[in-house]
Amino acid sequence: MLYLRFALFSLSLLTHNSWAQAGNFTLADWPKTQTALKPVYVRAIIEQAGVHKVSFEKDADFYVAELDKLAAFALGNQYATYLNTSVAQNLATIAVIHCDWGNGIPPLEFAHGYLGATQLAQFEPLYGDVIAKLKNNCIENPAPKE
């Protein structure tokens, strides 16, 4: 229990100091992160986004699993750009792709501005169904056009 308290205290310092803010905790670091700390990191990132008026519907466990998946994908494809990008920014990318980035801007419009067509295309093999939903205004199965 003492270790967990120390870990949570250390994490609170980490998420508020300039080292974490500067993006030094990257996706390449994510797979080496202790499993018990991953949801704590994710909740801290989500909480920080809330300060900037961004809301999320999905929970920390969802984002932990997606960050694990994205890290494996980026490592397997040697996508240094993602691996060298902060975990917070990669979490934001996942949220945007999954229509879970609530900031008042239409999701597809924001995705195009935030990610661009090239990055969306790179995610197609991993997130094809999710990107299709994003392109349909975040509607799972749009009604057929008459």
Foldseek 3Di string as FASTA:
>chain_A
DVVVVVLLVVVVVCLPDVCQVVQVAALLNLVVDDPVCQLVNQVSLQVVVVVVVKFFDDHSVVLNVVSVVVSVVCVVVVVVVRRSGHSSVVSVLVCLLQVGTDRPDQSLVVCCVSQNPVNVVVCCVPRVQSNVCSVVSNDNDDDDDD
